[in-house]
Amino acid sequence: MGRRMETGVIAVLAQLRAKRNWHRIMREWVYADEPAT
């Protein structure tokens, strides 16, 4: 289910042509970094 969700999300982002530093956002959850946006 996790891989299903991940594929669905990137497909949505591709349709939007969304642009962000997705890594910096992910670091908030993986490394408890300060908010990136």
Full PDB file with SEQRES, HELIX, SHEET, SSBOND, CRYST1, ORIGX, SCALE, CONECT and MASTER records, all heavy atoms in Angstrom:
SEQRES   1 A   37  MET GLY ARG ARG MET GLU THR GLY VAL ILE ALA VAL LEU          
SEQRES   2 A   37  ALA GLN LEU ARG ALA LYS ARG ASN TRP HIS ARG ILE MET          
SEQRES   3 A   37  ARG GLU TRP VAL TYR ALA ASP GLU PRO ALA THR                  
HELIX    1 AA1 GLY A    2  LEU A   16  1                                  15    
HELIX    2 AA2 TRP A   22  VAL A   30  1                                   9    
CRYST1    1.000    1.000    1.000  90.00  90.00  90.00 P 1           1          
ORIGX1      1.000000  0.000000  0.000000        0.00000                         
ORIGX2      0.000000  1.000000  0.000000        0.00000                         
ORIGX3      0.000000  0.000000  1.000000        0.00000                         
SCALE1      1.000000  0.000000  0.000000        0.00000                         
SCALE2      0.000000  1.000000  0.000000        0.00000                         
SCALE3      0.000000  0.000000  1.000000        0.00000                         
ATOM      1  N   MET A   1       0.817  -1.204   0.000  1.00  0.00           N  
ATOM      2  CA  MET A   1       0.000   0.000   0.000  1.00  0.00           C  
ATOM      3  C   MET A   1       0.859   1.267   0.000  1.00  0.00           C  
ATOM      4  O   MET A   1       0.502   2.274  -0.613  1.00  0.00           O  
ATOM      5  CB  MET A   1      -0.940   0.002   1.212  1.00  0.00           C  
ATOM      6  CG  MET A   1      -2.034  -1.051   1.157  1.00  0.00           C  
ATOM      7  SD  MET A   1      -3.155  -0.838  -0.248  1.00  0.00           S  
ATOM      8  CE  MET A   1      -2.766  -2.247  -1.259  1.00  0.00           C  
ATOM      9  N   GLY A   2       2.004   1.203   0.669  1.00  0.00           N  
ATOM     10  CA  GLY A   2       2.901   2.353   0.685  1.00  0.00           C  
ATOM     11  C   GLY A   2       3.439   2.667  -0.693  1.00  0.00           C  
ATOM     12  O   GLY A   2       3.515   3.828  -1.115  1.00  0.00           O  
ATOM     13  N   ARG A   3       3.824   1.609  -1.434  1.00  0.00           N  
ATOM     14  CA  ARG A   3       4.333   1.835  -2.781  1.00  0.00           C  
ATOM     15  C   ARG A   3       3.210   2.314  -3.703  1.00  0.00           C  
ATOM     16  O   ARG A   3       3.449   3.107  -4.618  1.00  0.00           O  
ATOM     17  CB  ARG A   3       4.959   0.545  -3.328  1.00  0.00           C  
ATOM     18  CG  ARG A   3       6.121  -0.005  -2.522  1.00  0.00           C  
ATOM     19  CD  ARG A   3       7.365   0.863  -2.511  1.00  0.00           C  
ATOM     20  NE  ARG A   3       7.285   2.097  -1.745  1.00  0.00           N  
ATOM     21  CZ  ARG A   3       7.389   2.167  -0.417  1.00  0.00           C  
ATOM     22  NH1 ARG A   3       7.535   1.088   0.312  1.00  0.00           N  
ATOM     23  NH2 ARG A   3       7.343   3.349   0.185  1.00  0.00           N  
ATOM     24  N   ARG A   4       2.004   1.804  -3.473  1.00  0.00           N  
ATOM     25  CA  ARG A   4       0.853   2.265  -4.265  1.00  0.00           C  
ATOM     26  C   ARG A   4       0.639   3.753  -4.047  1.00  0.00           C  
ATOM     27  O   ARG A   4       0.415   4.514  -4.982  1.00  0.00           O  
ATOM     28  CB  ARG A   4      -0.383   1.467  -3.838  1.00  0.00           C  
ATOM     29  CG  ARG A   4      -1.660   1.797  -4.599  1.00  0.00           C  
ATOM     30  CD  ARG A   4      -2.804   0.939  -4.046  1.00  0.00           C  
ATOM     31  NE  ARG A   4      -3.957   0.975  -4.913  1.00  0.00           N  
ATOM     32  CZ  ARG A   4      -4.943   1.864  -4.822  1.00  0.00           C  
ATOM     33  NH1 ARG A   4      -4.887   2.810  -3.918  1.00  0.00           N  
ATOM     34  NH2 ARG A   4      -5.978   1.812  -5.646  1.00  0.00           N  
ATOM     35  N   MET A   5       0.683   4.171  -2.768  1.00  0.00           N  
ATOM     36  CA  MET A   5       0.502   5.585  -2.452  1.00  0.00           C  
ATOM     37  C   MET A   5       1.604   6.436  -3.072  1.00  0.00           C  
ATOM     38  O   MET A   5       1.346   7.476  -3.677  1.00  0.00           O  
ATOM     39  CB  MET A   5       0.470   5.771  -0.932  1.00  0.00           C  
ATOM     40  CG  MET A   5       0.286   7.225  -0.474  1.00  0.00           C  
ATOM     41  SD  MET A   5       1.847   8.128  -0.302  1.00  0.00           S  
ATOM     42  CE  MET A   5       2.471   7.431   1.228  1.00  0.00           C  
ATOM     43  N   GLU A   6       2.854   5.974  -2.944  1.00  0.00           N  
ATOM     44  CA  GLU A   6       3.984   6.755  -3.450  1.00  0.00           C  
ATOM     45  C   GLU A   6       3.892   6.947  -4.964  1.00  0.00           C  
ATOM     46  O   GLU A   6       4.126   8.046  -5.475  1.00  0.00           O  
ATOM     47  CB  GLU A   6       5.296   6.055  -3.084  1.00  0.00           C  
ATOM     48  CG  GLU A   6       6.534   6.862  -3.413  1.00  0.00           C  
ATOM     49  CD  GLU A   6       7.798   6.242  -2.848  1.00  0.00           C  
ATOM     50  OE1 GLU A   6       7.763   5.692  -1.725  1.00  0.00           O  
ATOM     51  OE2 GLU A   6       8.830   6.314  -3.538  1.00  0.00           O  
ATOM     52  N   THR A   7       3.521   5.884  -5.690  1.00  0.00           N  
ATOM     53  CA  THR A   7       3.376   5.991  -7.141  1.00  0.00           C  
ATOM     54  C   THR A   7       2.242   6.941  -7.496  1.00  0.00           C  
ATOM     55  O   THR A   7       2.354   7.753  -8.424  1.00  0.00           O  
ATOM     56  CB  THR A   7       3.109   4.606  -7.763  1.00  0.00           C  
ATOM     57  OG1 THR A   7       4.175   3.724  -7.391  1.00  0.00           O  
ATOM     58  CG2 THR A   7       3.036   4.696  -9.278  1.00  0.00           C  
ATOM     59  N   GLY A   8       1.139   6.858  -6.739  1.00  0.00           N  
ATOM     60  CA  GLY A   8       0.015   7.756  -6.984  1.00  0.00           C  
ATOM     61  C   GLY A   8       0.381   9.208  -6.758  1.00  0.00           C  
ATOM     62  O   GLY A   8       0.012  10.090  -7.543  1.00  0.00           O  
ATOM     63  N   VAL A   9       1.146   9.480  -5.696  1.00  0.00           N  
ATOM     64  CA  VAL A   9       1.523  10.863  -5.380  1.00  0.00           C  
ATOM     65  C   VAL A   9       2.422  11.445  -6.460  1.00  0.00           C  
ATOM     66  O   VAL A   9       2.199  12.566  -6.935  1.00  0.00           O  
ATOM     67  CB  VAL A   9       2.209  10.953  -4.003  1.00  0.00           C  
ATOM     68  CG1 VAL A   9       2.831  12.336  -3.793  1.00  0.00           C  
ATOM     69  CG2 VAL A   9       1.208  10.686  -2.890  1.00  0.00           C  
ATOM     70  N   ILE A  10       3.450  10.702  -6.875  1.00  0.00           N  
ATOM     71  CA  ILE A  10       4.343  11.261  -7.894  1.00  0.00           C  
ATOM     72  C   ILE A  10       3.600  11.457  -9.211  1.00  0.00           C  
ATOM     73  O   ILE A  10       3.886  12.394  -9.972  1.00  0.00           O  
ATOM     74  CB  ILE A  10       5.626  10.413  -8.086  1.00  0.00           C  
ATOM     75  CG1 ILE A  10       6.620  11.168  -8.972  1.00  0.00           C  
ATOM     76  CG2 ILE A  10       5.332   9.048  -8.642  1.00  0.00           C  
ATOM     77  CD1 ILE A  10       7.954  10.508  -9.140  1.00  0.00           C  
ATOM     78  N   ALA A  11       2.611  10.600  -9.498  1.00  0.00           N  
ATOM     79  CA  ALA A  11       1.807  10.774 -10.706  1.00  0.00           C  
ATOM     80  C   ALA A  11       1.010  12.067 -10.635  1.00  0.00           C  
ATOM     81  O   ALA A  11       0.895  12.809 -11.618  1.00  0.00           O  
ATOM     82  CB  ALA A  11       0.878   9.579 -10.894  1.00  0.00           C  
ATOM     83  N   VAL A  12       0.435  12.359  -9.458  1.00  0.00           N  
ATOM     84  CA  VAL A  12      -0.310  13.606  -9.263  1.00  0.00           C  
ATOM     85  C   VAL A  12       0.627  14.798  -9.430  1.00  0.00           C  
ATOM     86  O   VAL A  12       0.302  15.788 -10.106  1.00  0.00           O  
ATOM     87  CB  VAL A  12      -0.985  13.623  -7.877  1.00  0.00           C  
ATOM     88  CG1 VAL A  12      -1.523  15.019  -7.558  1.00  0.00           C  
ATOM     89  CG2 VAL A  12      -2.120  12.609  -7.826  1.00  0.00           C  
ATOM     90  N   LEU A  13       1.802  14.740  -8.801  1.00  0.00           N  
ATOM     91  CA  LEU A  13       2.757  15.846  -8.884  1.00  0.00           C  
ATOM     92  C   LEU A  13       3.213  16.072 -10.326  1.00  0.00           C  
ATOM     93  O   LEU A  13       3.434  17.215 -10.741  1.00  0.00           O  
ATOM     94  CB  LEU A  13       3.964  15.567  -7.988  1.00  0.00           C  
ATOM     95  CG  LEU A  13       3.680  15.427  -6.486  1.00  0.00           C  
ATOM     96  CD1 LEU A  13       4.975  15.178  -5.718  1.00  0.00           C  
ATOM     97  CD2 LEU A  13       2.976  16.674  -5.942  1.00  0.00           C  
ATOM     98  N   ALA A  14       3.339  14.984 -11.090  1.00  0.00           N  
ATOM     99  CA  ALA A  14       3.740  15.115 -12.489  1.00  0.00           C  
ATOM    100  C   ALA A  14       2.660  15.808 -13.308  1.00  0.00           C  
ATOM    101  O   ALA A  14       2.950  16.643 -14.166  1.00  0.00           O  
ATOM    102  CB  ALA A  14       4.055  13.743 -13.079  1.00  0.00           C  
ATOM    103  N   GLN A  15       1.403  15.453 -13.060  1.00  0.00           N  
ATOM    104  CA  GLN A  15       0.307  16.111 -13.767  1.00  0.00           C  
ATOM    105  C   GLN A  15       0.268  17.603 -13.456  1.00  0.00           C  
ATOM    106  O   GLN A  15      -0.085  18.420 -14.300  1.00  0.00           O  
ATOM    107  CB  GLN A  15      -1.034  15.473 -13.366  1.00  0.00           C  
ATOM    108  CG  GLN A  15      -1.254  14.079 -13.934  1.00  0.00           C  
ATOM    109  CD  GLN A  15      -1.654  14.124 -15.392  1.00  0.00           C  
ATOM    110  OE1 GLN A  15      -2.693  14.652 -15.751  1.00  0.00           O  
ATOM    111  NE2 GLN A  15      -0.810  13.583 -16.246  1.00  0.00           N  
ATOM    112  N   LEU A  16       0.658  17.950 -12.220  1.00  0.00           N  
ATOM    113  CA  LEU A  16       0.676  19.362 -11.803  1.00  0.00           C  
ATOM    114  C   LEU A  16       1.934  20.088 -12.271  1.00  0.00           C  
ATOM    115  O   LEU A  16       1.984  21.312 -12.233  1.00  0.00           O  
ATOM    116  CB  LEU A  16       0.616  19.449 -10.269  1.00  0.00           C  
ATOM    117  CG  LEU A  16      -0.667  18.993  -9.589  1.00  0.00           C  
ATOM    118  CD1 LEU A  16      -0.438  18.820  -8.101  1.00  0.00           C  
ATOM    119  CD2 LEU A  16      -1.798  19.995  -9.846  1.00  0.00           C  
ATOM    120  N   ARG A  17       2.962  19.326 -12.651  1.00  0.00           N  
ATOM    121  CA  ARG A  17       4.296  19.873 -12.899  1.00  0.00           C  
ATOM    122  C   ARG A  17       4.753  20.670 -11.678  1.00  0.00           C  
ATOM    123  O   ARG A  17       5.291  21.776 -11.778  1.00  0.00           O  
ATOM    124  CB  ARG A  17       4.311  20.734 -14.177  1.00  0.00           C  
ATOM    125  CG  ARG A  17       3.788  19.985 -15.404  1.00  0.00           C  
ATOM    126  CD  ARG A  17       3.932  20.764 -16.687  1.00  0.00           C  
ATOM    127  NE  ARG A  17       3.357  22.105 -16.653  1.00  0.00           N  
ATOM    128  CZ  ARG A  17       2.056  22.368 -16.725  1.00  0.00           C  
ATOM    129  NH1 ARG A  17       1.165  21.369 -16.827  1.00  0.00           N  
ATOM    130  NH2 ARG A  17       1.620  23.601 -16.714  1.00  0.00           N  
ATOM    131  N   ALA A  18       4.523  20.084 -10.514  1.00  0.00           N  
ATOM    132  CA  ALA A  18       4.823  20.759  -9.245  1.00  0.00           C  
ATOM    133  C   ALA A  18       6.321  20.808  -9.003  1.00  0.00           C  
ATOM    134  O   ALA A  18       7.036  19.838  -9.253  1.00  0.00           O  
ATOM    135  CB  ALA A  18       4.129  20.031  -8.096  1.00  0.00           C  
ATOM    136  N   LYS A  19       6.786  21.942  -8.482  1.00  0.00           N  
ATOM    137  CA  LYS A  19       8.218  22.139  -8.257  1.00  0.00           C  
ATOM    138  C   LYS A  19       8.466  22.565  -6.813  1.00  0.00           C  
ATOM    139  O   LYS A  19       7.941  23.562  -6.346  1.00  0.00           O  
ATOM    140  CB  LYS A  19       8.758  23.204  -9.213  1.00  0.00           C  
ATOM    141  CG  LYS A  19      10.275  23.368  -9.154  1.00  0.00           C  
ATOM    142  CD  LYS A  19      10.743  24.363 -10.208  1.00  0.00           C  
ATOM    143  CE  LYS A  19      12.265  24.464 -10.233  1.00  0.00           C  
ATOM    144  NZ  LYS A  19      12.739  25.406 -11.285  1.00  0.00           N  
ATOM    145  N   ARG A  20       9.285  21.756  -6.124  1.00  0.00           N  
ATOM    146  CA  ARG A  20       9.676  22.044  -4.748  1.00  0.00           C  
ATOM    147  C   ARG A  20      10.990  21.329  -4.479  1.00  0.00           C  
ATOM    148  O   ARG A  20      11.406  20.458  -5.247  1.00  0.00           O  
ATOM    149  CB  ARG A  20       8.627  21.539  -3.736  1.00  0.00           C  
ATOM    150  CG  ARG A  20       7.374  22.392  -3.594  1.00  0.00           C  
ATOM    151  CD  ARG A  20       7.690  23.696  -2.875  1.00  0.00           C  
ATOM    152  NE  ARG A  20       6.486  24.454  -2.559  1.00  0.00           N  
ATOM    153  CZ  ARG A  20       5.968  25.406  -3.331  1.00  0.00           C  
ATOM    154  NH1 ARG A  20       6.533  25.690  -4.507  1.00  0.00           N  
ATOM    155  NH2 ARG A  20       4.887  26.074  -2.955  1.00  0.00           N  
ATOM    156  N   ASN A  21      11.634  21.653  -3.354  1.00  0.00           N  
ATOM    157  CA  ASN A  21      12.730  20.812  -2.881  1.00  0.00           C  
ATOM    158  C   ASN A  21      12.082  19.760  -1.991  1.00  0.00           C  
ATOM    159  O   ASN A  21      11.928  19.938  -0.782  1.00  0.00           O  
ATOM    160  CB  ASN A  21      13.762  21.635  -2.103  1.00  0.00           C  
ATOM    161  CG  ASN A  21      15.009  20.822  -1.759  1.00  0.00           C  
ATOM    162  OD1 ASN A  21      14.914  19.623  -1.482  1.00  0.00           O  
ATOM    163  ND2 ASN A  21      16.157  21.458  -1.765  1.00  0.00           N  
ATOM    164  N   TRP A  22      11.664  18.665  -2.614  1.00  0.00           N  
ATOM    165  CA  TRP A  22      10.928  17.609  -1.903  1.00  0.00           C  
ATOM    166  C   TRP A  22      11.805  16.968  -0.836  1.00  0.00           C  
ATOM    167  O   TRP A  22      11.309  16.524   0.205  1.00  0.00           O  
ATOM    168  CB  TRP A  22      10.430  16.553  -2.896  1.00  0.00           C  
ATOM    169  CG  TRP A  22       9.690  17.147  -4.055  1.00  0.00           C  
ATOM    170  CD1 TRP A  22      10.154  17.301  -5.333  1.00  0.00           C  
ATOM    171  CD2 TRP A  22       8.370  17.731  -4.033  1.00  0.00           C  
ATOM    172  NE1 TRP A  22       9.195  17.929  -6.108  1.00  0.00           N  
ATOM    173  CE2 TRP A  22       8.106  18.197  -5.344  1.00  0.00           C  
ATOM    174  CE3 TRP A  22       7.402  17.886  -3.041  1.00  0.00           C  
ATOM    175  CZ2 TRP A  22       6.904  18.821  -5.681  1.00  0.00           C  
ATOM    176  CZ3 TRP A  22       6.201  18.501  -3.378  1.00  0.00           C  
ATOM    177  CH2 TRP A  22       5.960  18.959  -4.671  1.00  0.00           C  
ATOM    178  N   HIS A  23      13.095  16.963  -1.062  1.00  0.00           N  
ATOM    179  CA  HIS A  23      14.031  16.390  -0.093  1.00  0.00           C  
ATOM    180  C   HIS A  23      13.992  17.164   1.223  1.00  0.00           C  
ATOM    181  O   HIS A  23      13.972  16.556   2.306  1.00  0.00           O  
ATOM    182  CB  HIS A  23      15.451  16.404  -0.666  1.00  0.00           C  
ATOM    183  CG  HIS A  23      16.502  16.009   0.327  1.00  0.00           C  
ATOM    184  ND1 HIS A  23      16.684  14.701   0.729  1.00  0.00           N  
ATOM    185  CD2 HIS A  23      17.416  16.749   1.022  1.00  0.00           C  
ATOM    186  CE1 HIS A  23      17.672  14.658   1.619  1.00  0.00           C  
ATOM    187  NE2 HIS A  23      18.127  15.874   1.803  1.00  0.00           N  
ATOM    188  N   ARG A  24      13.986  18.489   1.135  1.00  0.00           N  
ATOM    189  CA  ARG A  24      13.981  19.302   2.358  1.00  0.00           C  
ATOM    190  C   ARG A  24      12.705  19.080   3.161  1.00  0.00           C  
ATOM    191  O   ARG A  24      12.714  19.108   4.390  1.00  0.00           O  
ATOM    192  CB  ARG A  24      14.148  20.778   2.001  1.00  0.00           C  
ATOM    193  CG  ARG A  24      15.562  21.132   1.563  1.00  0.00           C  
ATOM    194  CD  ARG A  24      16.501  21.166   2.739  1.00  0.00           C  
ATOM    195  NE  ARG A  24      17.898  21.005   2.324  1.00  0.00           N  
ATOM    196  CZ  ARG A  24      18.910  20.918   3.164  1.00  0.00           C  
ATOM    197  NH1 ARG A  24      18.693  20.936   4.463  1.00  0.00           N  
ATOM    198  NH2 ARG A  24      20.127  20.763   2.720  1.00  0.00           N  
ATOM    199  N   ILE A  25      11.603  18.852   2.463  1.00  0.00           N  
ATOM    200  CA  ILE A  25      10.345  18.558   3.170  1.00  0.00           C  
ATOM    201  C   ILE A  25      10.447  17.185   3.825  1.00  0.00           C  
ATOM    202  O   ILE A  25      10.086  17.010   4.993  1.00  0.00           O  
ATOM    203  CB  ILE A  25       9.144  18.621   2.195  1.00  0.00           C  
ATOM    204  CG1 ILE A  25       9.031  20.029   1.581  1.00  0.00           C  
ATOM    205  CG2 ILE A  25       7.847  18.251   2.928  1.00  0.00           C  
ATOM    206  CD1 ILE A  25       8.003  20.133   0.459  1.00  0.00           C  
ATOM    207  N   MET A  26      10.963  16.200   3.082  1.00  0.00           N  
ATOM    208  CA  MET A  26      11.100  14.851   3.632  1.00  0.00           C  
ATOM    209  C   MET A  26      12.013  14.829   4.856  1.00  0.00           C  
ATOM    210  O   MET A  26      11.788  14.066   5.803  1.00  0.00           O  
ATOM    211  CB  MET A  26      11.644  13.913   2.544  1.00  0.00           C  
ATOM    212  CG  MET A  26      11.795  12.463   2.953  1.00  0.00           C  
ATOM    213  SD  MET A  26      10.217  11.632   3.340  1.00  0.00           S  
ATOM    214  CE  MET A  26       9.580  11.332   1.684  1.00  0.00           C  
ATOM    215  N   ARG A  27      13.018  15.710   4.882  1.00  0.00           N  
ATOM    216  CA  ARG A  27      13.939  15.747   6.019  1.00  0.00           C  
ATOM    217  C   ARG A  27      13.231  16.130   7.324  1.00  0.00           C  
ATOM    218  O   ARG A  27      13.670  15.752   8.412  1.00  0.00           O  
ATOM    219  CB  ARG A  27      15.085  16.736   5.754  1.00  0.00           C  
ATOM    220  CG  ARG A  27      16.085  16.268   4.714  1.00  0.00           C  
ATOM    221  CD  ARG A  27      17.260  17.231   4.620  1.00  0.00           C  
ATOM    222  NE  ARG A  27      18.095  17.140   5.813  1.00  0.00           N  
ATOM    223  CZ  ARG A  27      19.157  16.362   5.922  1.00  0.00           C  
ATOM    224  NH1 ARG A  27      19.523  15.584   4.910  1.00  0.00           N  
ATOM    225  NH2 ARG A  27      19.862  16.352   7.035  1.00  0.00           N  
ATOM    226  N   GLU A  28      12.132  16.857   7.218  1.00  0.00           N  
ATOM    227  CA  GLU A  28      11.367  17.210   8.421  1.00  0.00           C  
ATOM    228  C   GLU A  28      10.895  15.954   9.143  1.00  0.00           C  
ATOM    229  O   GLU A  28      10.811  15.930  10.362  1.00  0.00           O  
ATOM    230  CB  GLU A  28      10.165  18.086   8.051  1.00  0.00           C  
ATOM    231  CG  GLU A  28      10.530  19.438   7.449  1.00  0.00           C  
ATOM    232  CD  GLU A  28       9.298  20.191   6.975  1.00  0.00           C  
ATOM    233  OE1 GLU A  28       8.189  19.908   7.480  1.00  0.00           O  
ATOM    234  OE2 GLU A  28       9.432  21.058   6.094  1.00  0.00           O  
ATOM    235  N   TRP A  29      10.600  14.913   8.372  1.00  0.00           N  
ATOM    236  CA  TRP A  29      10.081  13.667   8.955  1.00  0.00           C  
ATOM    237  C   TRP A  29      11.186  12.663   9.250  1.00  0.00           C  
ATOM    238  O   TRP A  29      11.100  11.916  10.217  1.00  0.00           O  
ATOM    239  CB  TRP A  29       9.052  13.040   8.014  1.00  0.00           C  
ATOM    240  CG  TRP A  29       7.951  13.967   7.623  1.00  0.00           C  
ATOM    241  CD1 TRP A  29       7.244  14.796   8.456  1.00  0.00           C  
ATOM    242  CD2 TRP A  29       7.428  14.183   6.308  1.00  0.00           C  
ATOM    243  NE1 TRP A  29       6.320  15.508   7.740  1.00  0.00           N  
ATOM    244  CE2 TRP A  29       6.399  15.160   6.415  1.00  0.00           C  
ATOM    245  CE3 TRP A  29       7.716  13.657   5.056  1.00  0.00           C  
ATOM    246  CZ2 TRP A  29       5.670  15.610   5.316  1.00  0.00           C  
ATOM    247  CZ3 TRP A  29       6.994  14.106   3.957  1.00  0.00           C  
ATOM    248  CH2 TRP A  29       5.981  15.064   4.094  1.00  0.00           C  
ATOM    249  N   VAL A  30      12.214  12.638   8.408  1.00  0.00           N  
ATOM    250  CA  VAL A  30      13.264  11.632   8.581  1.00  0.00           C  
ATOM    251  C   VAL A  30      14.326  12.084   9.582  1.00  0.00           C  
ATOM    252  O   VAL A  30      14.837  11.279  10.362  1.00  0.00           O  
ATOM    253  CB  VAL A  30      13.914  11.301   7.219  1.00  0.00           C  
ATOM    254  CG1 VAL A  30      15.074  10.309   7.389  1.00  0.00           C  
ATOM    255  CG2 VAL A  30      12.869  10.708   6.268  1.00  0.00           C  
ATOM    256  N   TYR A  31      14.636  13.400   9.589  1.00  0.00           N  
ATOM    257  CA  TYR A  31      15.705  13.898  10.457  1.00  0.00           C  
ATOM    258  C   TYR A  31      15.228  14.893  11.507  1.00  0.00           C  
ATOM    259  O   TYR A  31      16.040  15.443  12.256  1.00  0.00           O  
ATOM    260  CB  TYR A  31      16.797  14.567   9.614  1.00  0.00           C  
ATOM    261  CG  TYR A  31      17.475  13.638   8.644  1.00  0.00           C  
ATOM    262  CD1 TYR A  31      17.156  13.654   7.291  1.00  0.00           C  
ATOM    263  CD2 TYR A  31      18.439  12.728   9.083  1.00  0.00           C  
ATOM    264  CE1 TYR A  31      17.777  12.803   6.384  1.00  0.00           C  
ATOM    265  CE2 TYR A  31      19.061  11.864   8.194  1.00  0.00           C  
ATOM    266  CZ  TYR A  31      18.724  11.903   6.853  1.00  0.00           C  
ATOM    267  OH  TYR A  31      19.347  11.057   5.966  1.00  0.00           O  
ATOM    268  N   ALA A  32      13.925  15.156  11.556  1.00  0.00           N  
ATOM    269  CA  ALA A  32      13.372  16.160  12.476  1.00  0.00           C  
ATOM    270  C   ALA A  32      13.982  17.535  12.229  1.00  0.00           C  
ATOM    271  O   ALA A  32      14.184  18.326  13.153  1.00  0.00           O  
ATOM    272  CB  ALA A  32      13.570  15.735  13.932  1.00  0.00           C  
ATOM    273  N   ASP A  33      14.288  17.847  10.949  1.00  0.00           N  
ATOM    274  CA  ASP A  33      14.812  19.165  10.596  1.00  0.00           C  
ATOM    275  C   ASP A  33      13.753  20.233  10.794  1.00  0.00           C  
ATOM    276  O   ASP A  33      12.544  19.940  10.845  1.00  0.00           O  
ATOM    277  CB  ASP A  33      15.250  19.178   9.125  1.00  0.00           C  
ATOM    278  CG  ASP A  33      16.618  18.555   8.911  1.00  0.00           C  
ATOM    279  OD1 ASP A  33      17.159  17.974   9.874  1.00  0.00           O  
ATOM    280  OD2 ASP A  33      17.131  18.640   7.773  1.00  0.00           O  
ATOM    281  N   GLU A  34      14.200  21.471  10.864  1.00  0.00           N  
ATOM    282  CA  GLU A  34      13.267  22.595  10.938  1.00  0.00           C  
ATOM    283  C   GLU A  34      12.448  22.666   9.649  1.00  0.00           C  
ATOM    284  O   GLU A  34      12.900  22.205   8.587  1.00  0.00           O  
ATOM    285  CB  GLU A  34      14.048  23.895  11.135  1.00  0.00           C  
ATOM    286  CG  GLU A  34      14.684  24.037  12.505  1.00  0.00           C  
ATOM    287  CD  GLU A  34      13.649  24.014  13.629  1.00  0.00           C  
ATOM    288  OE1 GLU A  34      12.671  24.797  13.540  1.00  0.00           O  
ATOM    289  OE2 GLU A  34      13.791  23.195  14.551  1.00  0.00           O  
ATOM    290  N   PRO A  35      11.255  23.245   9.706  1.00  0.00           N  
ATOM    291  CA  PRO A  35      10.405  23.324   8.509  1.00  0.00           C  
ATOM    292  C   PRO A  35      11.138  23.967   7.334  1.00  0.00           C  
ATOM    293  O   PRO A  35      11.864  24.953   7.507  1.00  0.00           O  
ATOM    294  CB  PRO A  35       9.231  24.185   8.967  1.00  0.00           C  
ATOM    295  CG  PRO A  35       9.169  23.990  10.441  1.00  0.00           C  
ATOM    296  CD  PRO A  35      10.583  23.804  10.887  1.00  0.00           C  
ATOM    297  N   ALA A  36      10.916  23.404   6.152  1.00  0.00           N  
ATOM    298  CA  ALA A  36      11.639  23.856   4.955  1.00  0.00           C  
ATOM    299  C   ALA A  36      10.864  24.890   4.149  1.00  0.00           C  
ATOM    300  O   ALA A  36      11.432  25.552   3.289  1.00  0.00           O  
ATOM    301  CB  ALA A  36      11.954  22.650   4.069  1.00  0.00           C  
ATOM    302  N   THR A  37       9.564  25.003   4.381  1.00  0.00           N  
ATOM    303  CA  THR A  37       8.728  25.916   3.604  1.00  0.00           C  
ATOM    304  C   THR A  37       7.762  26.644   4.532  1.00  0.00           C  
ATOM    305  O   THR A  37       7.617  26.302   5.707  1.00  0.00           O  
ATOM    306  CB  THR A  37       7.900  25.147   2.554  1.00  0.00           C  
ATOM    307  OG1 THR A  37       6.951  24.312   3.243  1.00  0.00           O  
ATOM    308  CG2 THR A  37       8.775  24.278   1.663  1.00  0.00           C  
TER     309      THR A  37                                                      
MASTER        0    0    0    2    0    0    0    6  308    1    0    3          
END                                                                             
